[in-house]
N, C-alpha and C. Protein backbone atom coordinates (compact mmCIF):
# COMPACT_ATOMS: atom_id res chain seq x y z
N MET A 1 0.61 -1.58 0.00
CA MET A 1 -0.32 -0.01 0.17
C MET A 1 1.09 1.01 0.13
N ASP A 2 1.82 0.92 0.63
CA ASP A 2 2.98 2.46 0.55
C ASP A 2 3.77 2.88 -0.96
N ILE A 3 3.59 1.25 -1.41
CA ILE A 3 4.02 1.98 -2.49
C ILE A 3 3.24 2.42 -3.44
N ILE A 4 1.94 1.80 -3.19
CA ILE A 4 1.07 2.40 -4.77
C ILE A 4 0.80 4.39 -3.56
N LEU A 5 1.12 4.75 -2.96
CA LEU A 5 0.72 5.90 -2.47
C LEU A 5 1.94 6.79 -3.03
N LYS A 6 3.59 6.21 -2.42
CA LYS A 6 4.11 7.07 -3.01
C LYS A 6 4.21 7.16 -4.71
N ASN A 7 4.16 6.37 -5.65
CA ASN A 7 3.95 6.10 -6.70
C ASN A 7 2.99 7.28 -7.20
N LEU A 8 1.64 7.26 -6.52
CA LEU A 8 0.59 8.51 -6.57
C LEU A 8 1.44 9.58 -6.43
N GLU A 9 1.97 9.86 -5.27
CA GLU A 9 2.80 11.10 -5.30
C GLU A 9 3.61 11.95 -5.79
N LEU A 10 4.46 10.78 -6.39
CA LEU A 10 5.48 11.09 -7.28
C LEU A 10 4.93 11.47 -8.34
N GLY A 11 3.84 10.61 -9.09
CA GLY A 11 3.29 11.30 -9.88
C GLY A 11 2.05 12.77 -10.10
N LEU A 12 1.76 12.80 -8.87
CA LEU A 12 0.83 13.67 -9.28
C LEU A 12 1.87 15.21 -8.75
N LYS A 13 3.13 15.09 -8.17
CA LYS A 13 4.74 16.04 -8.18
C LYS A 13 4.76 16.42 -9.43
N GLN A 14 4.79 15.12 -10.55
CA GLN A 14 5.73 15.52 -11.87
C GLN A 14 4.23 16.41 -12.51
N ASN A 15 3.31 16.16 -12.24
CA ASN A 15 1.57 16.51 -12.72
C ASN A 15 2.20 18.51 -12.66
N MET A 16 2.14 18.57 -11.15
CA MET A 16 2.50 19.83 -10.61
C MET A 16 3.75 20.86 -11.25
N GLU A 17 4.86 19.98 -11.62
CA GLU A 17 5.82 20.96 -12.35
C GLU A 17 5.53 20.57 -13.05
N HIS A 18 5.25 20.02 -14.21
CA HIS A 18 4.88 19.89 -15.66
C HIS A 18 3.76 21.09 -15.75
N LEU A 19 2.89 21.92 -14.79
CA LEU A 19 1.27 22.82 -14.77
C LEU A 19 3.05 23.99 -14.89
N LYS A 20 3.24 24.00 -14.10
CA LYS A 20 4.30 25.26 -13.57
C LYS A 20 5.22 24.97 -14.79
N SER A 21 5.55 24.45 -15.36
CA SER A 21 6.45 24.77 -16.25
C SER A 21 5.89 25.16 -17.77
N GLU A 22 4.35 24.41 -18.03
CA GLU A 22 3.92 25.30 -18.67
C GLU A 22 3.24 26.43 -18.97
N LEU A 23 2.88 27.06 -17.41
CA LEU A 23 2.02 28.46 -17.09
C LEU A 23 3.55 29.24 -17.35
N GLY A 24 4.64 28.68 -17.11
CA GLY A 24 6.25 29.76 -16.86
C GLY A 24 5.96 30.19 -17.96
N THR A 25 5.52 29.94 -19.04
CA THR A 25 5.97 29.81 -20.93
C THR A 25 4.48 31.08 -20.93
N VAL A 26 3.45 30.92 -20.25
CA VAL A 26 2.29 32.27 -20.43
C VAL A 26 2.63 33.42 -19.84
N ARG A 27 2.76 34.71 -20.78
CA ARG A 27 3.11 35.87 -20.23
C ARG A 27 2.21 36.41 -19.72
N GLY A 28 2.65 37.22 -18.26
CA GLY A 28 1.63 37.80 -17.61
C GLY A 28 2.17 39.68 -17.89
N ASN A 29 1.97 40.12 -17.29
CA ASN A 29 2.30 41.70 -17.32
C ASN A 29 3.74 42.49 -16.85
N ARG A 30 4.42 41.18 -16.35
CA ARG A 30 6.06 41.13 -16.08
C ARG A 30 6.40 40.32 -17.10
N PRO A 31 7.78 40.35 -17.19
CA PRO A 31 8.40 40.24 -17.88
C PRO A 31 9.30 39.00 -17.15
N SER A 32 9.57 38.17 -17.79
CA SER A 32 9.79 36.79 -16.97
C SER A 32 10.92 35.92 -18.12
N PRO A 33 12.31 35.24 -17.55
CA PRO A 33 13.04 35.22 -18.50
C PRO A 33 12.23 33.82 -18.82
N LYS A 34 11.59 33.10 -18.45
CA LYS A 34 10.85 31.63 -19.10
C LYS A 34 10.38 32.09 -20.25
N LEU A 35 9.75 33.08 -20.85
CA LEU A 35 8.97 33.32 -21.92
C LEU A 35 9.98 33.01 -22.86
N VAL A 36 11.47 33.42 -22.80
CA VAL A 36 12.26 33.26 -24.22
C VAL A 36 12.99 32.00 -24.34
N GLU A 37 13.41 31.33 -23.00
CA GLU A 37 14.77 30.73 -22.48
C GLU A 37 14.42 29.25 -23.29
N ASP A 38 13.36 28.90 -23.45
CA ASP A 38 13.13 27.47 -24.55
C ASP A 38 12.71 27.71 -25.92
N ILE A 39 12.91 28.88 -26.16
CA ILE A 39 12.88 29.39 -27.91
C ILE A 39 13.48 28.12 -28.26
N SER A 40 12.99 27.90 -29.40
CA SER A 40 14.26 27.03 -29.93
C SER A 40 15.19 27.68 -31.27
N VAL A 41 16.41 27.72 -31.57
CA VAL A 41 17.36 28.43 -32.18
C VAL A 41 18.18 27.25 -33.24
N GLU A 42 18.21 27.70 -34.61
CA GLU A 42 18.59 26.36 -35.25
C GLU A 42 20.25 27.21 -35.31
N TYR A 43 21.43 26.70 -34.77
CA TYR A 43 22.59 27.24 -34.63
C TYR A 43 23.36 25.95 -35.26
N TYR A 44 24.45 26.39 -36.38
CA TYR A 44 25.24 25.81 -36.67
C TYR A 44 24.46 24.18 -37.17
N GLY A 45 23.46 23.84 -37.43
CA GLY A 45 22.77 22.56 -37.80
C GLY A 45 22.70 22.22 -36.50
N GLN A 46 22.19 22.47 -35.07
CA GLN A 46 21.72 22.50 -34.00
C GLN A 46 20.22 23.07 -33.76
N LYS A 47 19.43 22.48 -33.01
CA LYS A 47 18.14 22.89 -32.42
C LYS A 47 18.70 23.34 -30.87
N LEU A 48 19.05 24.58 -30.56
CA LEU A 48 19.48 24.85 -29.23
C LEU A 48 18.21 25.61 -28.66
N THR A 49 18.48 26.05 -27.46
CA THR A 49 17.25 27.28 -26.91
C THR A 49 18.01 28.33 -26.45
N VAL A 50 17.18 28.73 -26.60
CA VAL A 50 18.11 30.68 -26.16
C VAL A 50 18.98 30.75 -24.82
N LYS A 51 18.21 30.16 -23.83
CA LYS A 51 19.47 30.04 -22.89
C LYS A 51 20.12 29.17 -22.74
N GLN A 52 20.53 28.32 -23.69
CA GLN A 52 22.27 27.76 -24.39
C GLN A 52 23.01 28.26 -24.80
N VAL A 53 22.43 29.78 -25.70
CA VAL A 53 23.23 30.35 -26.80
C VAL A 53 23.64 31.82 -25.93
N GLY A 54 22.93 32.10 -24.71
CA GLY A 54 23.30 33.39 -24.12
C GLY A 54 22.67 33.72 -22.29
N ALA A 55 23.01 34.50 -21.79
CA ALA A 55 22.30 35.03 -20.69
C ALA A 55 21.01 35.71 -20.48
N ILE A 56 20.11 35.25 -20.30
CA ILE A 56 18.89 36.22 -20.20
C ILE A 56 18.67 37.25 -18.51
N SER A 57 18.31 38.06 -19.37
CA SER A 57 18.14 38.83 -17.59
C SER A 57 16.60 40.31 -17.94
N VAL A 58 16.11 40.33 -16.67
CA VAL A 58 14.87 40.94 -16.63
C VAL A 58 15.70 42.52 -16.30
N VAL A 59 15.21 43.30 -17.03
CA VAL A 59 15.33 45.14 -16.25
C VAL A 59 13.97 45.86 -16.64
N PRO A 60 13.40 45.80 -15.40
CA PRO A 60 11.99 46.44 -15.14
C PRO A 60 11.92 47.61 -16.07
N PRO A 61 10.52 48.37 -16.13
CA PRO A 61 9.56 47.42 -15.60
C PRO A 61 9.33 46.51 -16.77
N ARG A 62 9.70 46.16 -18.17
CA ARG A 62 8.78 45.52 -19.01
C ARG A 62 9.89 45.54 -20.38
N GLU A 63 11.36 45.26 -19.79
CA GLU A 63 12.30 44.61 -20.68
C GLU A 63 12.77 43.14 -20.49
N ILE A 64 13.35 42.32 -21.61
CA ILE A 64 14.10 41.35 -21.06
C ILE A 64 15.68 41.41 -22.26
N GLN A 65 16.45 41.27 -21.89
CA GLN A 65 17.60 41.32 -22.33
C GLN A 65 18.31 39.77 -22.34
N ILE A 66 19.04 39.91 -23.64
CA ILE A 66 19.71 38.53 -23.64
C ILE A 66 20.98 38.89 -24.34
N SER A 67 21.96 38.34 -23.77
CA SER A 67 23.43 38.74 -24.17
C SER A 67 23.97 37.19 -24.32
N ILE A 68 24.02 37.36 -25.83
CA ILE A 68 24.65 35.95 -26.65
C ILE A 68 26.00 36.14 -26.59
N TRP A 69 26.73 34.79 -26.70
CA TRP A 69 27.81 34.61 -26.17
C TRP A 69 28.69 34.66 -27.71
N ASP A 70 27.84 34.12 -28.62
CA ASP A 70 28.68 33.97 -29.84
C ASP A 70 27.82 35.02 -30.76
N LYS A 71 28.47 36.30 -30.98
CA LYS A 71 28.12 37.20 -32.02
C LYS A 71 27.51 36.73 -33.13
N ASN A 72 28.02 35.48 -33.74
CA ASN A 72 27.32 35.43 -35.40
C ASN A 72 25.95 34.52 -35.03
N ALA A 73 25.31 34.43 -34.15
CA ALA A 73 24.20 34.40 -33.38
C ALA A 73 23.09 35.25 -32.91
N VAL A 74 23.33 36.43 -32.90
CA VAL A 74 22.85 37.17 -32.55
C VAL A 74 21.62 37.44 -33.14
N ASN A 75 21.80 37.81 -34.83
CA ASN A 75 20.75 37.77 -35.58
C ASN A 75 19.91 36.50 -36.01
N ILE A 76 20.37 35.67 -35.40
CA ILE A 76 19.43 34.35 -35.69
C ILE A 76 18.65 34.21 -34.49
N VAL A 77 18.80 34.43 -33.30
CA VAL A 77 18.56 34.63 -31.79
C VAL A 77 16.96 35.14 -32.19
N ALA A 78 17.52 36.71 -32.76
CA ALA A 78 16.46 37.73 -32.27
C ALA A 78 15.35 37.43 -33.28
N LYS A 79 15.23 36.61 -34.49
CA LYS A 79 14.49 35.96 -35.80
C LYS A 79 14.00 35.14 -34.92
N ALA A 80 14.33 34.08 -34.49
CA ALA A 80 13.83 32.91 -33.50
C ALA A 80 12.68 33.17 -32.64
N ILE A 81 13.31 34.61 -32.00
CA ILE A 81 12.42 35.48 -30.88
C ILE A 81 11.13 35.64 -31.51
N GLU A 82 11.49 36.72 -32.69
CA GLU A 82 10.28 37.54 -33.21
C GLU A 82 9.37 36.34 -33.82
N SER A 83 9.67 35.55 -34.47
CA SER A 83 8.75 34.37 -34.99
C SER A 83 8.17 33.54 -34.11
N SER A 84 8.55 33.77 -32.60
CA SER A 84 7.52 33.12 -31.65
C SER A 84 6.46 33.58 -31.69
N ASN A 85 5.46 32.92 -30.64
CA ASN A 85 4.31 33.20 -30.90
C ASN A 85 3.62 34.24 -29.72
N LEU A 86 5.14 35.05 -29.10
CA LEU A 86 5.14 35.75 -28.07
C LEU A 86 4.59 37.45 -28.59
N ASN A 87 4.75 37.34 -30.03
CA ASN A 87 3.54 38.31 -30.67
C ASN A 87 5.05 40.16 -30.20
N VAL A 88 6.36 39.85 -29.84
CA VAL A 88 6.98 41.27 -29.74
C VAL A 88 8.32 41.41 -30.68
N SER A 89 8.48 42.57 -30.48
CA SER A 89 10.32 42.69 -31.61
C SER A 89 10.94 42.62 -30.49
N SER A 90 12.23 42.69 -31.42
CA SER A 90 12.81 42.66 -30.48
C SER A 90 14.33 43.98 -31.36
N SER A 91 15.00 44.25 -30.58
CA SER A 91 16.20 45.10 -31.64
C SER A 91 17.31 45.05 -30.99
N VAL A 92 18.37 44.78 -31.49
CA VAL A 92 19.52 44.02 -31.09
C VAL A 92 20.87 45.54 -31.31
N ASP A 93 21.85 45.33 -30.04
CA ASP A 93 22.69 46.42 -29.80
C ASP A 93 24.01 45.24 -29.49
N GLY A 94 24.77 45.15 -30.74
CA GLY A 94 25.94 44.45 -30.54
C GLY A 94 25.69 42.96 -29.96
N ASN A 95 26.03 42.64 -29.22
CA ASN A 95 25.99 40.97 -28.61
C ASN A 95 24.41 41.11 -27.86
N VAL A 96 24.03 42.30 -27.45
CA VAL A 96 22.25 42.18 -26.29
C VAL A 96 20.83 42.26 -27.15
N ILE A 97 20.24 41.15 -27.25
CA ILE A 97 18.85 41.65 -27.75
C ILE A 97 18.10 42.43 -26.96
N HIS A 98 17.48 43.09 -26.87
CA HIS A 98 16.52 43.72 -26.50
C HIS A 98 14.94 43.87 -26.80
N ILE A 99 14.02 43.31 -25.52
CA ILE A 99 12.81 42.70 -26.59
C ILE A 99 12.19 43.64 -25.21
N ASN A 100 11.43 44.51 -25.94
CA ASN A 100 10.17 45.34 -25.07
C ASN A 100 8.93 44.58 -25.06
N LEU A 101 8.31 44.78 -23.87
CA LEU A 101 7.14 43.73 -23.76
C LEU A 101 6.21 44.65 -23.45
N PRO A 102 5.46 45.11 -24.45
CA PRO A 102 4.01 45.97 -24.78
C PRO A 102 2.92 45.71 -23.96
N PRO A 103 2.35 46.64 -23.22
CA PRO A 103 1.51 46.10 -22.10
C PRO A 103 0.18 45.37 -22.32
N LEU A 104 -0.55 45.00 -21.99
CA LEU A 104 -1.52 43.40 -22.66
C LEU A 104 -2.33 43.86 -22.75
N SER A 105 -3.40 44.05 -23.63
CA SER A 105 -4.53 44.39 -23.94
C SER A 105 -5.36 43.33 -22.93
N GLN A 106 -6.91 44.29 -22.59
CA GLN A 106 -7.65 43.64 -22.13
C GLN A 106 -7.67 42.26 -23.18
N GLU A 107 -8.38 42.27 -24.20
CA GLU A 107 -8.26 40.96 -25.21
C GLU A 107 -7.26 40.01 -24.70
N ARG A 108 -6.01 40.55 -24.86
CA ARG A 108 -5.08 39.47 -24.78
C ARG A 108 -4.66 38.69 -23.67
N ARG A 109 -5.34 39.52 -22.37
CA ARG A 109 -5.29 39.27 -21.02
C ARG A 109 -6.38 37.91 -20.68
N GLU A 110 -7.86 38.05 -21.47
CA GLU A 110 -8.90 37.24 -21.49
C GLU A 110 -8.36 36.11 -22.21
N GLU A 111 -7.60 36.32 -23.58
CA GLU A 111 -6.98 34.98 -24.18
C GLU A 111 -6.15 33.94 -23.75
N LEU A 112 -5.14 34.98 -22.35
CA LEU A 112 -4.25 34.07 -21.16
C LEU A 112 -5.11 33.50 -20.58
N ILE A 113 -5.87 34.22 -20.20
CA ILE A 113 -6.40 33.40 -18.79
C ILE A 113 -7.08 32.27 -19.22
N LYS A 114 -7.54 32.32 -20.46
CA LYS A 114 -8.40 30.89 -21.07
C LYS A 114 -7.12 29.91 -21.49
N ILE A 115 -6.38 30.23 -21.78
CA ILE A 115 -5.10 29.51 -21.53
C ILE A 115 -4.63 28.63 -20.73
N VAL A 116 -4.78 29.68 -19.35
CA VAL A 116 -3.82 29.22 -17.99
C VAL A 116 -4.95 28.22 -17.66
N LYS A 117 -6.54 27.98 -17.33
CA LYS A 117 -7.44 27.63 -17.14
C LYS A 117 -7.47 26.20 -17.73
N LYS A 118 -7.12 26.36 -19.30
CA LYS A 118 -6.98 24.94 -20.14
C LYS A 118 -6.05 24.23 -19.62
N GLU A 119 -4.73 24.56 -19.08
CA GLU A 119 -3.73 24.30 -18.43
C GLU A 119 -4.10 23.38 -17.43
N GLY A 120 -4.86 24.09 -16.57
CA GLY A 120 -5.12 23.83 -14.87
C GLY A 120 -6.24 22.53 -15.31
N GLU A 121 -6.95 22.46 -16.14
CA GLU A 121 -8.00 21.71 -16.71
C GLU A 121 -7.27 20.23 -17.02
N SER A 122 -5.94 20.46 -17.87
CA SER A 122 -5.18 19.38 -18.24
C SER A 122 -4.39 18.94 -16.87
N ALA A 123 -3.79 19.60 -16.57
CA ALA A 123 -3.65 19.29 -14.51
C ALA A 123 -4.24 18.36 -14.14
N ARG A 124 -5.59 18.75 -13.52
CA ARG A 124 -6.48 17.97 -13.44
C ARG A 124 -6.77 16.67 -13.54
N ILE A 125 -7.26 16.47 -15.34
CA ILE A 125 -7.15 15.24 -15.99
C ILE A 125 -6.54 14.57 -15.44
N GLY A 126 -4.89 14.80 -15.44
CA GLY A 126 -3.60 14.01 -15.39
C GLY A 126 -4.14 13.52 -14.02
N ILE A 127 -3.88 14.33 -12.81
CA ILE A 127 -4.21 13.54 -11.65
C ILE A 127 -5.47 13.10 -11.18
N ARG A 128 -6.88 13.00 -11.93
CA ARG A 128 -8.11 12.19 -11.74
C ARG A 128 -6.66 10.58 -12.32
N SER A 129 -6.17 10.86 -13.76
CA SER A 129 -6.08 9.76 -14.05
C SER A 129 -4.71 8.97 -13.17
N HIS A 130 -4.41 9.65 -12.17
CA HIS A 130 -3.00 8.98 -11.34
C HIS A 130 -3.70 8.11 -10.04
N ARG A 131 -5.09 9.27 -9.65
CA ARG A 131 -5.86 8.71 -8.60
C ARG A 131 -6.55 7.20 -9.17
N ASP A 132 -7.31 7.25 -10.46
CA ASP A 132 -7.85 6.43 -10.73
C ASP A 132 -6.55 4.88 -11.03
N GLU A 133 -5.90 5.15 -11.41
CA GLU A 133 -4.69 4.14 -11.18
C GLU A 133 -4.54 3.41 -10.12
N ALA A 134 -4.40 4.66 -9.01
CA ALA A 134 -4.02 4.31 -7.81
C ALA A 134 -4.71 3.17 -7.01
N ILE A 135 -6.18 3.69 -7.20
CA ILE A 135 -7.25 3.07 -6.96
C ILE A 135 -7.58 1.70 -7.68
N LYS A 136 -7.09 1.32 -8.70
CA LYS A 136 -7.18 0.15 -9.54
C LYS A 136 -6.25 -0.72 -8.76
N GLU A 137 -5.00 0.08 -8.50
CA GLU A 137 -3.85 -1.11 -7.97
C GLU A 137 -4.15 -1.62 -6.47
N SER A 138 -4.57 -0.48 -6.00
CA SER A 138 -4.76 -1.00 -4.48
C SER A 138 -6.34 -2.24 -4.61
N LYS A 139 -6.62 -1.95 -5.25
CA LYS A 139 -7.94 -2.97 -5.55
C LYS A 139 -7.44 -4.14 -5.96
N ASN A 140 -6.64 -4.47 -7.05
CA ASN A 140 -5.83 -5.29 -7.19
C ASN A 140 -4.73 -5.97 -5.94
N GLU A 141 -4.61 -5.56 -5.35
CA GLU A 141 -3.68 -5.90 -4.10
C GLU A 141 -4.60 -6.41 -3.11
N PHE A 142 -5.96 -6.10 -3.51
CA PHE A 142 -6.95 -6.80 -2.25
C PHE A 142 -7.19 -8.29 -2.65
N GLU A 143 -7.46 -7.89 -4.07
CA GLU A 143 -7.69 -9.57 -5.16
C GLU A 143 -7.03 -10.19 -4.91
N ALA A 144 -5.64 -10.00 -4.83
CA ALA A 144 -4.83 -10.75 -5.03
C ALA A 144 -4.19 -11.40 -3.56
N GLY A 145 -4.95 -10.77 -2.32
CA GLY A 145 -4.76 -10.94 -1.01
C GLY A 145 -3.50 -10.28 -0.32
N LYS A 146 -3.04 -9.22 -0.91
CA LYS A 146 -2.24 -8.48 -0.01
C LYS A 146 -2.54 -7.17 1.12
N ILE A 147 -3.71 -7.10 0.92
CA ILE A 147 -4.06 -6.42 1.82
C ILE A 147 -5.57 -6.60 2.29
N THR A 148 -5.82 -6.33 3.53
CA THR A 148 -7.34 -6.58 3.63
C THR A 148 -8.72 -5.13 3.35
N GLU A 149 -9.45 -5.80 3.46
CA GLU A 149 -10.69 -4.55 3.06
C GLU A 149 -10.86 -3.62 3.60
N ASP A 150 -10.23 -3.79 4.71
CA ASP A 150 -10.21 -2.51 5.52
C ASP A 150 -9.03 -1.59 4.70
N GLY A 151 -7.69 -2.13 4.63
CA GLY A 151 -6.82 -1.43 3.76
C GLY A 151 -7.29 -0.98 2.65
N LYS A 152 -7.69 -1.76 2.11
CA LYS A 152 -8.15 -1.12 0.27
C LYS A 152 -8.95 0.19 0.63
N PHE A 153 -10.28 0.18 1.92
CA PHE A 153 -10.71 1.36 2.32
C PHE A 153 -9.96 2.55 2.81
N LYS A 154 -9.12 2.15 3.63
CA LYS A 154 -8.06 3.08 4.04
C LYS A 154 -7.28 3.81 2.83
N ALA A 155 -6.58 2.96 1.97
CA ALA A 155 -5.67 3.37 0.51
C ALA A 155 -6.59 4.16 -0.16
N LYS A 156 -8.04 4.17 -0.01
CA LYS A 156 -8.79 4.66 -1.07
C LYS A 156 -8.94 6.11 -0.43
N ASP A 157 -9.06 6.03 0.55
CA ASP A 157 -9.35 7.38 1.75
C ASP A 157 -7.99 8.32 1.80
N LYS A 158 -6.82 7.51 1.55
CA LYS A 158 -5.36 8.14 1.59
C LYS A 158 -5.50 8.95 0.56
N ILE A 159 -5.81 7.82 -0.66
CA ILE A 159 -5.36 8.10 -2.00
C ILE A 159 -6.64 9.51 -2.71
N GLN A 160 -7.79 9.29 -1.95
CA GLN A 160 -8.49 10.63 -2.25
C GLN A 160 -7.89 12.11 -1.51
N GLU A 161 -7.47 11.73 -0.65
CA GLU A 161 -6.78 12.99 0.39
C GLU A 161 -5.59 13.63 -0.26
N ALA A 162 -4.98 12.84 -1.23
CA ALA A 162 -3.61 13.40 -1.61
C ALA A 162 -4.46 13.72 -3.14
N THR A 163 -5.33 13.34 -3.40
CA THR A 163 -5.86 13.94 -4.83
C THR A 163 -6.01 15.56 -4.58
N ASP A 164 -7.14 15.55 -3.29
CA ASP A 164 -7.87 16.96 -2.73
C ASP A 164 -6.76 17.77 -2.58
N LYS A 165 -5.31 17.39 -2.25
CA LYS A 165 -4.72 18.32 -1.62
C LYS A 165 -3.92 18.84 -2.92
N ALA A 166 -3.34 17.92 -3.78
CA ALA A 166 -3.24 18.33 -5.29
C ALA A 166 -3.88 19.57 -5.97
N ASN A 167 -5.51 18.98 -6.07
CA ASN A 167 -6.65 20.22 -6.79
C ASN A 167 -6.31 21.44 -6.29
N GLU A 168 -6.34 21.22 -4.68
CA GLU A 168 -6.31 22.62 -4.22
C GLU A 168 -4.90 23.56 -4.48
N GLU A 169 -3.71 22.64 -4.83
CA GLU A 169 -2.43 23.37 -5.26
C GLU A 169 -2.35 23.86 -6.54
N ILE A 170 -3.20 23.46 -7.49
CA ILE A 170 -3.64 23.71 -8.34
C ILE A 170 -4.13 24.84 -8.73
N GLU A 171 -5.11 24.98 -7.95
CA GLU A 171 -6.14 25.95 -7.81
C GLU A 171 -5.37 27.62 -7.63
N LYS A 172 -4.66 27.17 -6.55
CA LYS A 172 -3.53 28.15 -5.78
C LYS A 172 -2.56 28.80 -6.82
N ILE A 173 -2.09 28.01 -7.80
CA ILE A 173 -1.41 28.49 -8.88
C ILE A 173 -1.93 28.81 -9.68
N LEU A 174 -2.78 28.64 -10.58
CA LEU A 174 -3.71 29.30 -10.89
C LEU A 174 -4.39 30.73 -11.09
N GLU A 175 -4.65 30.67 -9.29
CA GLU A 175 -5.02 32.05 -8.92
C GLU A 175 -4.16 32.96 -8.95
N GLN A 176 -2.69 32.27 -8.79
CA GLN A 176 -1.51 33.45 -8.98
C GLN A 176 -1.16 33.67 -9.88
N LYS A 177 -1.24 32.48 -11.43
CA LYS A 177 -1.15 33.06 -12.59
C LYS A 177 -2.05 34.02 -13.12
N ILE A 178 -3.50 33.76 -13.11
CA ILE A 178 -4.07 35.01 -13.17
C ILE A 178 -4.14 36.04 -12.69
N LYS A 179 -3.69 36.37 -11.20
CA LYS A 179 -3.16 37.80 -10.88
C LYS A 179 -2.70 38.50 -11.31
N GLU A 180 -0.86 37.86 -11.99
CA GLU A 180 -0.31 37.87 -12.37
C GLU A 180 -0.36 38.81 -13.53
N ILE A 181 -1.33 37.63 -14.77
CA ILE A 181 -2.06 38.33 -15.92
C ILE A 181 -2.50 39.57 -15.46
N GLU A 182 -3.14 39.80 -14.76
CA GLU A 182 -4.14 40.76 -14.79
C GLU A 182 -3.68 41.96 -13.98
N GLU A 183 -2.49 42.02 -13.50
CA GLU A 183 -1.58 43.34 -12.98
C GLU A 183 -1.68 43.91 -14.12
């Protein structure tokens, strides 16, 4: 039974990390290095990310600077950023790329909130899947005689408790991201 709960908790944790990484790419009203760090760049025949070809920093209130290590890659990175789904323009100053993020319109905020909610629902679906799998495993252990009927019901209660806790955490993450978008 402990193995079932540990597997469930591991699955739930992975689900949360995936949600956080997905939401990190959604633009809030503040600049974040996560917006650009995973944009793919074709560099000498290799697919690299922006964070692999330069250092990313934030200049308040709405600017992201990328210091590219190889001067030959500056224009390639700038084009990759402009062709990404961020809808931003960049300016090049030597080895530094400046990205000014315009304030979000109300329409764009609403779009981003819908995206955030969709990601949250995907995470909830993943949690339910992990919960159902854990309940199925405990039922199989009961049928195999490894745990008692009381053990099966206790396992189901603990599984549901862990699921509820994960759903609460998702709600907190979503509220925080929506608040960030609305700022």
